[in-house]
């Protein structure tokens, strides 16, 4: 079986405290490498997941879950914005449609040290549509442009937009071209395009990730039409070979579900995408480095299940993976569970 060596703290290990870095260190002049990123995904790209992902890949840009601007203005800011120093480079995705609210939320977030602020213009959920958030905003490019301009004026980090190729019957190339043109005029220099249209009624968010067909050529054409805008492609990419193929047409690729269904596939990303030939950590080494983080969070009152659910798929495809996953799944939700459950699960591996 795996022998649990002494727990190693990563080279950037710091205590689990609220990060308050100097925002002047992150300016618009700073160039983020967006060749590969992990998409903002509700309930998945939490600070716990991002810490784990950073143990696997040093360079891949990580995004938060979408945070609604009003939640920052009227809620517990530390709950929504605090993160671990190890997560850099990390981008915050905001949801909203009021330029002043988004600007103030961006200003507050900027003080936490995020490397980028992203505006969500792609989520098709009925719930966010009611708040005029997400893909529904594609129908109002002038409003989106005002939001982007207000956000840019409030922070010194890049402000980007994540969108779809269209919505409902507004899904031809000209519609997307006009939208991107307005973003360019507003000063947006990096745009992530999910290469599916969003159907705003009749489909669930999950169905909207699968049923509308992927049209990669649409994103490719936009890159040709707007060579000065960085175009990041999102949607359906599951392998680094596919990333390489798309990189001939666009500037970067954003990975979605594969990043949590099979997180270890990111282990090769630093070498394949970014040209960094550092030693690739083993799955066991990653689990061992994740344990102190779980213990720190536990000491602060966070139940281990919130952190450990992100490691369930770490050993996917390996001998004993099913036993590892089963042990965690059956035990991490118990009220009496401690971080020890991770070590017990690792003991299930051959």
Protein backbone atom coordinates (compact mmCIF):
# COMPACT_ATOMS: atom_id res chain seq x y z
CA UNK A 1 0.00 0.00 0.00
CA UNK A 2 1.02 3.65 -0.20
CA UNK A 3 3.27 4.60 2.68
CA UNK A 4 2.35 7.96 4.13
CA UNK A 5 5.57 9.88 4.29
CA UNK A 6 6.03 12.97 6.41
CA UNK A 7 3.70 15.71 5.27
CA UNK A 8 5.50 18.12 2.98
CA UNK A 9 4.47 21.73 2.78
CA UNK A 10 4.69 23.25 -0.66
CA UNK A 11 7.26 25.95 -1.43
CA UNK A 12 4.61 28.66 -1.12
CA UNK A 13 3.02 27.36 2.08
CA UNK A 14 1.58 30.06 4.33
CA UNK A 15 -0.92 29.89 7.20
CA UNK A 16 -4.58 29.87 6.17
CA UNK A 17 -5.34 33.54 6.58
CA UNK A 18 -7.29 36.08 4.59
CA UNK A 19 -5.07 37.30 1.79
CA UNK A 20 -4.62 41.05 1.63
CA UNK A 21 -1.88 41.77 -0.89
CA UNK A 22 -0.80 45.13 -2.20
CA UNK A 23 -3.16 45.90 -5.09
CA UNK A 24 -0.58 48.20 -6.67
CA UNK A 25 1.48 45.11 -7.44
CA UNK A 26 -1.19 43.96 -9.91
CA UNK A 27 -1.57 46.50 -12.69
CA UNK A 28 -2.99 46.51 -16.17
CA UNK A 29 0.60 46.32 -17.41
CA UNK A 30 0.92 42.87 -15.90
CA UNK A 31 0.40 40.26 -18.58
CA UNK A 32 -1.42 37.14 -17.48
CA UNK A 33 -0.66 33.94 -19.33
CA UNK A 34 -4.08 32.67 -20.33
CA UNK A 35 -2.97 29.86 -22.62
CA UNK A 36 -4.72 27.46 -20.25
CA UNK A 37 -7.29 28.21 -17.57
CA UNK A 38 -9.90 26.44 -15.47
CA UNK A 39 -13.40 27.82 -15.95
CA UNK A 40 -15.47 29.43 -13.20
CA UNK A 41 -17.91 26.71 -12.11
CA UNK A 42 -20.56 27.15 -9.44
CA UNK A 43 -20.12 24.83 -6.44
CA UNK A 44 -16.83 23.54 -7.87
CA UNK A 45 -14.12 26.15 -8.27
CA UNK A 46 -14.15 27.03 -4.59
CA UNK A 47 -11.02 28.08 -2.74
CA UNK A 48 -10.63 24.44 -1.67
CA UNK A 49 -10.61 23.22 -5.26
CA UNK A 50 -8.29 25.99 -6.36
CA UNK A 51 -5.77 25.11 -3.65
CA UNK A 52 -5.81 21.50 -4.83
CA UNK A 53 -5.50 22.51 -8.48
CA UNK A 54 -2.50 24.68 -7.72
CA UNK A 55 -0.75 21.68 -6.19
CA UNK A 56 -1.19 19.98 -9.58
CA UNK A 57 -0.34 22.85 -11.94
CA UNK A 58 1.75 25.94 -11.26
CA UNK A 59 0.79 28.06 -14.25
CA UNK A 60 -2.82 27.34 -15.23
CA UNK A 61 -5.02 30.38 -14.54
CA UNK A 62 -7.72 29.57 -12.00
CA UNK A 63 -11.13 31.25 -11.76
CA UNK A 64 -13.42 31.57 -8.78
CA UNK A 65 -17.06 30.64 -8.83
CA UNK A 66 -19.22 33.53 -9.97
CA UNK A 67 -19.80 35.99 -7.15
CA UNK A 68 -22.74 38.37 -7.50
CA UNK A 69 -21.70 42.00 -7.06
CA UNK A 70 -24.45 42.69 -4.55
CA UNK A 71 -23.19 39.85 -2.34
CA UNK A 72 -19.87 41.65 -2.03
CA UNK A 73 -21.49 45.01 -1.38
CA UNK A 74 -23.97 43.79 1.24
CA UNK A 75 -22.63 40.45 2.48
CA UNK A 76 -19.61 38.94 4.19
CA UNK A 77 -16.76 40.09 1.96
CA UNK A 78 -14.17 37.76 3.41
CA UNK A 79 -16.45 34.80 2.83
CA UNK A 80 -16.79 35.63 -0.85
CA UNK A 81 -13.36 37.07 -1.61
CA UNK A 82 -10.66 35.65 0.65
CA UNK A 83 -8.33 33.11 -0.89
CA UNK A 84 -4.99 31.44 -0.37
CA UNK A 85 -1.74 33.01 -1.50
CA UNK A 86 -0.84 29.77 -3.28
CA UNK A 87 -3.71 30.22 -5.73
CA UNK A 88 -2.03 32.88 -7.89
CA UNK A 89 -2.62 33.43 -10.73
CA UNK A 90 -6.31 33.62 -9.81
CA UNK A 91 -9.20 35.56 -11.33
CA UNK A 92 -12.50 36.59 -9.78
CA UNK A 93 -15.68 36.24 -11.83
CA UNK A 94 -18.39 38.77 -11.02
CA UNK A 95 -22.08 38.64 -11.88
CA UNK A 96 -24.21 41.74 -12.24
CA UNK A 97 -25.52 44.34 -14.66
CA UNK A 98 -25.35 47.61 -12.72
CA UNK A 99 -22.17 49.48 -13.73
CA UNK A 100 -21.83 51.29 -10.41
CA UNK A 101 -22.33 48.15 -8.34
CA UNK A 102 -19.89 46.19 -10.47
CA UNK A 103 -17.34 48.98 -10.23
CA UNK A 104 -17.55 49.10 -6.44
CA UNK A 105 -17.43 45.31 -6.15
CA UNK A 106 -14.38 45.29 -8.43
CA UNK A 107 -12.68 47.97 -6.35
CA UNK A 108 -13.25 45.96 -3.17
CA UNK A 109 -12.07 42.76 -4.84
CA UNK A 110 -9.00 44.53 -6.14
CA UNK A 111 -7.88 45.12 -2.57
CA UNK A 112 -7.79 41.36 -2.05
CA UNK A 113 -5.17 40.94 -4.75
CA UNK A 114 -6.94 39.15 -7.59
CA UNK A 115 -4.99 39.04 -10.84
CA UNK A 116 -8.05 39.62 -13.05
CA UNK A 117 -11.72 40.53 -12.75
CA UNK A 118 -14.06 38.75 -15.17
CA UNK A 119 -17.65 39.67 -16.02
CA UNK A 120 -20.09 36.79 -16.50
CA UNK A 121 -22.04 37.21 -19.74
CA UNK A 122 -22.47 33.50 -20.37
CA UNK A 123 -24.45 31.79 -17.60
CA UNK A 124 -27.92 30.73 -18.88
CA UNK A 125 -29.48 29.89 -15.50
CA UNK A 126 -33.07 31.05 -14.97
CA UNK A 127 -32.10 32.14 -11.47
CA UNK A 128 -29.41 34.55 -12.61
CA UNK A 129 -31.48 35.78 -15.55
CA UNK A 130 -33.98 37.15 -13.05
CA UNK A 131 -31.21 39.32 -11.67
CA UNK A 132 -30.16 40.36 -15.18
CA UNK A 133 -26.94 38.40 -14.89
CA UNK A 134 -25.15 36.14 -17.34
CA UNK A 135 -25.96 35.26 -20.95
CA UNK A 136 -29.11 37.36 -21.06
CA UNK A 137 -26.81 40.40 -21.16
CA UNK A 138 -25.63 39.50 -24.65
CA UNK A 139 -28.83 41.15 -25.87
CA UNK A 140 -27.63 44.46 -24.37
CA UNK A 141 -24.06 45.03 -25.55
CA UNK A 142 -24.22 48.74 -24.70
CA UNK A 143 -25.01 47.93 -21.07
CA UNK A 144 -22.24 45.34 -20.94
CA UNK A 145 -19.83 47.89 -22.37
CA UNK A 146 -20.75 50.41 -19.68
CA UNK A 147 -20.20 47.73 -17.04
CA UNK A 148 -16.77 46.90 -18.45
CA UNK A 149 -15.78 50.56 -18.62
CA UNK A 150 -16.90 51.18 -15.04
CA UNK A 151 -15.05 48.12 -13.77
CA UNK A 152 -11.87 49.10 -15.61
CA UNK A 153 -11.97 52.55 -14.05
CA UNK A 154 -12.16 51.00 -10.58
CA UNK A 155 -9.22 48.58 -10.71
CA UNK A 156 -5.67 48.29 -11.97
CA UNK A 157 -5.97 44.67 -13.06
CA UNK A 158 -7.35 43.41 -16.38
CA UNK A 159 -11.13 43.30 -16.75
CA UNK A 160 -12.27 40.50 -19.06
CA UNK A 161 -15.57 39.10 -20.30
CA UNK A 162 -16.78 35.50 -20.60
CA UNK A 163 -19.64 35.02 -23.03
CA UNK A 164 -21.35 32.61 -25.45
CA UNK A 165 -21.52 32.66 -29.25
CA UNK A 166 -25.14 33.80 -29.05
CA UNK A 167 -28.50 33.46 -27.32
CA UNK A 168 -31.71 31.84 -28.54
CA UNK A 169 -32.32 32.91 -32.15
CA UNK A 170 -29.68 35.64 -31.95
CA UNK A 171 -26.95 33.20 -32.80
CA UNK A 172 -25.42 34.12 -36.13
CA UNK A 173 -21.90 35.37 -36.72
CA UNK A 174 -22.97 38.99 -37.20
CA UNK A 175 -24.59 39.06 -33.76
CA UNK A 176 -21.39 37.85 -32.09
CA UNK A 177 -19.26 40.15 -34.25
CA UNK A 178 -21.23 43.21 -33.16
CA UNK A 179 -21.05 42.16 -29.51
CA UNK A 180 -17.29 41.64 -29.61
CA UNK A 181 -16.84 44.89 -31.49
CA UNK A 182 -18.58 46.77 -28.70
CA UNK A 183 -16.39 45.03 -26.11
CA UNK A 184 -13.30 46.06 -28.04
CA UNK A 185 -14.52 49.66 -28.14
CA UNK A 186 -15.03 49.52 -24.36
CA UNK A 187 -11.39 48.58 -23.90
CA UNK A 188 -11.78 44.86 -23.26
CA UNK A 189 -8.60 43.14 -24.46
CA UNK A 190 -9.36 39.54 -23.48
CA UNK A 191 -12.59 37.67 -24.18
CA UNK A 192 -13.49 34.07 -23.36
CA UNK A 193 -16.01 32.52 -25.73
CA UNK A 194 -17.98 29.40 -24.81
CA UNK A 195 -18.50 28.02 -28.30
CA UNK A 196 -22.17 27.16 -27.75
CA UNK A 197 -25.14 29.45 -27.82
CA UNK A 198 -27.25 29.76 -24.67
CA UNK A 199 -30.91 28.83 -24.79
CA UNK A 200 -32.48 31.08 -22.18
CA UNK A 201 -35.69 29.16 -21.61
CA UNK A 202 -36.49 25.47 -21.77
CA UNK A 203 -33.04 24.13 -20.92
CA UNK A 204 -31.35 23.75 -17.56
CA UNK A 205 -27.78 25.04 -17.07
CA UNK A 206 -26.57 21.45 -17.36
CA UNK A 207 -28.47 20.94 -20.63
CA UNK A 208 -27.07 24.23 -21.90
CA UNK A 209 -23.59 22.74 -21.47
CA UNK A 210 -24.42 19.77 -23.69
CA UNK A 211 -27.37 20.26 -26.05
CA UNK A 212 -26.49 23.38 -28.07
CA UNK A 213 -23.84 22.28 -30.58
CA UNK A 214 -20.26 23.43 -30.29
CA UNK A 215 -19.25 25.75 -33.13
CA UNK A 216 -15.53 26.26 -32.68
CA UNK A 217 -15.24 27.88 -36.10
CA UNK A 218 -17.25 30.82 -34.79
CA UNK A 219 -14.61 31.59 -32.17
CA UNK A 220 -11.84 31.06 -34.72
CA UNK A 221 -13.50 33.57 -37.05
CA UNK A 222 -13.81 36.13 -34.28
CA UNK A 223 -10.08 35.82 -33.60
CA UNK A 224 -9.39 36.47 -37.27
CA UNK A 225 -11.68 39.50 -37.25
CA UNK A 226 -10.28 40.92 -34.00
CA UNK A 227 -6.56 40.09 -34.00
CA UNK A 228 -5.80 42.56 -31.21
CA UNK A 229 -8.22 40.92 -28.75
CA UNK A 230 -7.07 37.86 -26.87
CA UNK A 231 -9.62 35.13 -27.59
CA UNK A 232 -9.91 32.22 -25.17
CA UNK A 233 -11.94 29.21 -26.30
CA UNK A 234 -14.20 27.32 -23.88
CA UNK A 235 -16.46 24.32 -24.32
CA UNK A 236 -16.00 20.57 -24.66
CA UNK A 237 -12.21 20.45 -24.34
CA UNK A 238 -11.08 17.39 -22.39
CA UNK A 239 -7.46 16.69 -23.30
CA UNK A 240 -4.21 18.59 -23.66
CA UNK A 241 -4.00 17.32 -27.24
CA UNK A 242 -7.25 19.17 -27.94
CA UNK A 243 -5.83 22.25 -26.25
CA UNK A 244 -2.84 22.08 -28.60
CA UNK A 245 -5.11 21.78 -31.65
CA UNK A 246 -7.18 24.83 -30.71
CA UNK A 247 -4.11 26.90 -29.90
CA UNK A 248 -3.41 27.13 -33.61
CA UNK A 249 -6.58 29.21 -33.99
CA UNK A 250 -7.05 31.10 -30.71
CA UNK A 251 -4.88 32.49 -27.91
CA UNK A 252 -5.88 30.15 -25.12
CA UNK A 253 -8.24 27.43 -23.96
CA UNK A 254 -10.43 27.27 -20.87
CA UNK A 255 -11.14 23.83 -19.42
CA UNK A 256 -14.44 23.12 -17.67
CA UNK A 257 -15.77 19.87 -16.27
CA UNK A 258 -12.71 17.76 -17.04
CA UNK A 259 -10.75 19.83 -14.53
CA UNK A 260 -12.76 18.42 -11.63
CA UNK A 261 -13.83 15.08 -13.10
CA UNK A 262 -10.18 14.20 -13.73
CA UNK A 263 -8.06 16.87 -12.02
CA UNK A 264 -4.74 15.08 -12.42
CA UNK A 265 -4.82 15.54 -16.19
CA UNK A 266 -3.64 19.09 -15.41
CA UNK A 267 -0.35 17.67 -14.11
CA UNK A 268 1.11 17.67 -17.64
CA UNK A 269 -0.17 21.16 -18.43
CA UNK A 270 2.88 23.05 -17.17
CA UNK A 271 5.16 21.10 -19.51
CA UNK A 272 2.86 20.69 -22.52
CA UNK A 273 1.28 24.15 -22.55
CA UNK A 274 3.70 26.41 -20.68
CA UNK A 275 7.04 24.75 -21.41
CA UNK A 276 7.97 24.28 -17.75
CA UNK A 277 9.78 20.97 -17.32
CA UNK A 278 9.63 20.83 -13.53
CA UNK A 279 9.12 17.43 -11.93
CA UNK A 280 5.47 16.38 -12.04
CA UNK A 281 4.12 15.64 -8.55
CA UNK A 282 2.64 12.22 -7.97
CA UNK A 283 -0.97 11.81 -6.95
CA UNK A 284 0.18 10.72 -3.50
CA UNK A 285 2.41 13.77 -3.09
CA UNK A 286 -0.52 16.00 -4.00
CA UNK A 287 -2.78 14.27 -1.46
CA UNK A 288 -0.11 14.61 1.22
CA UNK A 289 0.29 18.33 0.54
CA UNK A 290 -3.47 18.80 0.54
CA UNK A 291 -3.85 17.27 4.01
CA UNK A 292 -2.30 20.20 5.97
CA UNK A 293 -4.65 22.54 4.14
CA UNK A 294 -7.66 20.44 5.15
CA UNK A 295 -6.39 20.45 8.73
CA UNK A 296 -6.02 24.24 8.74
CA UNK A 297 -9.53 24.69 7.41
CA UNK A 298 -10.84 22.18 9.94
CA UNK A 299 -9.19 24.14 12.76
CA UNK A 300 -11.09 27.21 11.54
CA UNK A 301 -14.41 25.38 11.77
CA UNK A 302 -14.81 24.13 8.20
CA UNK A 303 -16.08 20.57 7.90
CA UNK A 304 -13.60 18.33 6.04
CA UNK A 305 -16.26 17.28 3.51
CA UNK A 306 -16.11 20.69 1.85
CA UNK A 307 -12.43 20.29 1.05
CA UNK A 308 -12.27 16.54 0.53
CA UNK A 309 -14.99 16.32 -2.12
CA UNK A 310 -12.55 17.91 -4.53
CA UNK A 311 -9.99 15.13 -4.13
CA UNK A 312 -12.42 12.28 -4.85
CA UNK A 313 -11.28 11.95 -8.47
CA UNK A 314 -7.56 12.48 -7.92
CA UNK A 315 -6.72 8.79 -8.38
CA UNK A 316 -9.09 8.22 -11.29
CA UNK A 317 -7.94 5.34 -13.46
CA UNK A 318 -5.42 4.10 -10.91
CA UNK A 319 -5.47 0.78 -9.01
CA UNK A 320 -7.54 1.16 -5.86
CA UNK A 321 -9.20 4.38 -7.00
CA UNK A 322 -12.68 2.98 -6.43
CA UNK A 323 -11.85 1.95 -2.85
CA UNK A 324 -10.28 5.35 -2.17
CA UNK A 325 -13.31 7.18 -3.48
CA UNK A 326 -15.78 4.90 -1.71
CA UNK A 327 -14.06 5.33 1.66
CA UNK A 328 -14.12 9.11 1.39
CA UNK A 329 -17.68 9.22 0.05
CA UNK A 330 -19.00 7.01 2.84
CA UNK A 331 -17.19 8.76 5.68
CA UNK A 332 -16.46 12.41 4.95
CA UNK A 333 -20.07 13.53 5.53
CA UNK A 334 -20.29 12.11 9.05
CA UNK A 335 -20.50 14.81 11.75
CA UNK A 336 -17.60 13.30 13.67
CA UNK A 337 -15.27 13.15 10.66
CA UNK A 338 -11.81 14.71 10.98
CA UNK A 339 -9.08 15.19 8.34
CA UNK A 340 -7.77 11.77 9.38
CA UNK A 341 -10.33 10.32 6.96
CA UNK A 342 -8.06 11.31 4.06
CA UNK A 343 -5.17 9.28 5.47
CA UNK A 344 -7.54 6.37 6.02
CA UNK A 345 -8.70 6.64 2.41
CA UNK A 346 -5.12 6.69 1.14
CA UNK A 347 -4.52 3.47 3.05
CA UNK A 348 -7.09 1.83 0.76
CA UNK A 349 -4.72 2.22 -2.19
CA UNK A 350 -2.39 -0.68 -3.09
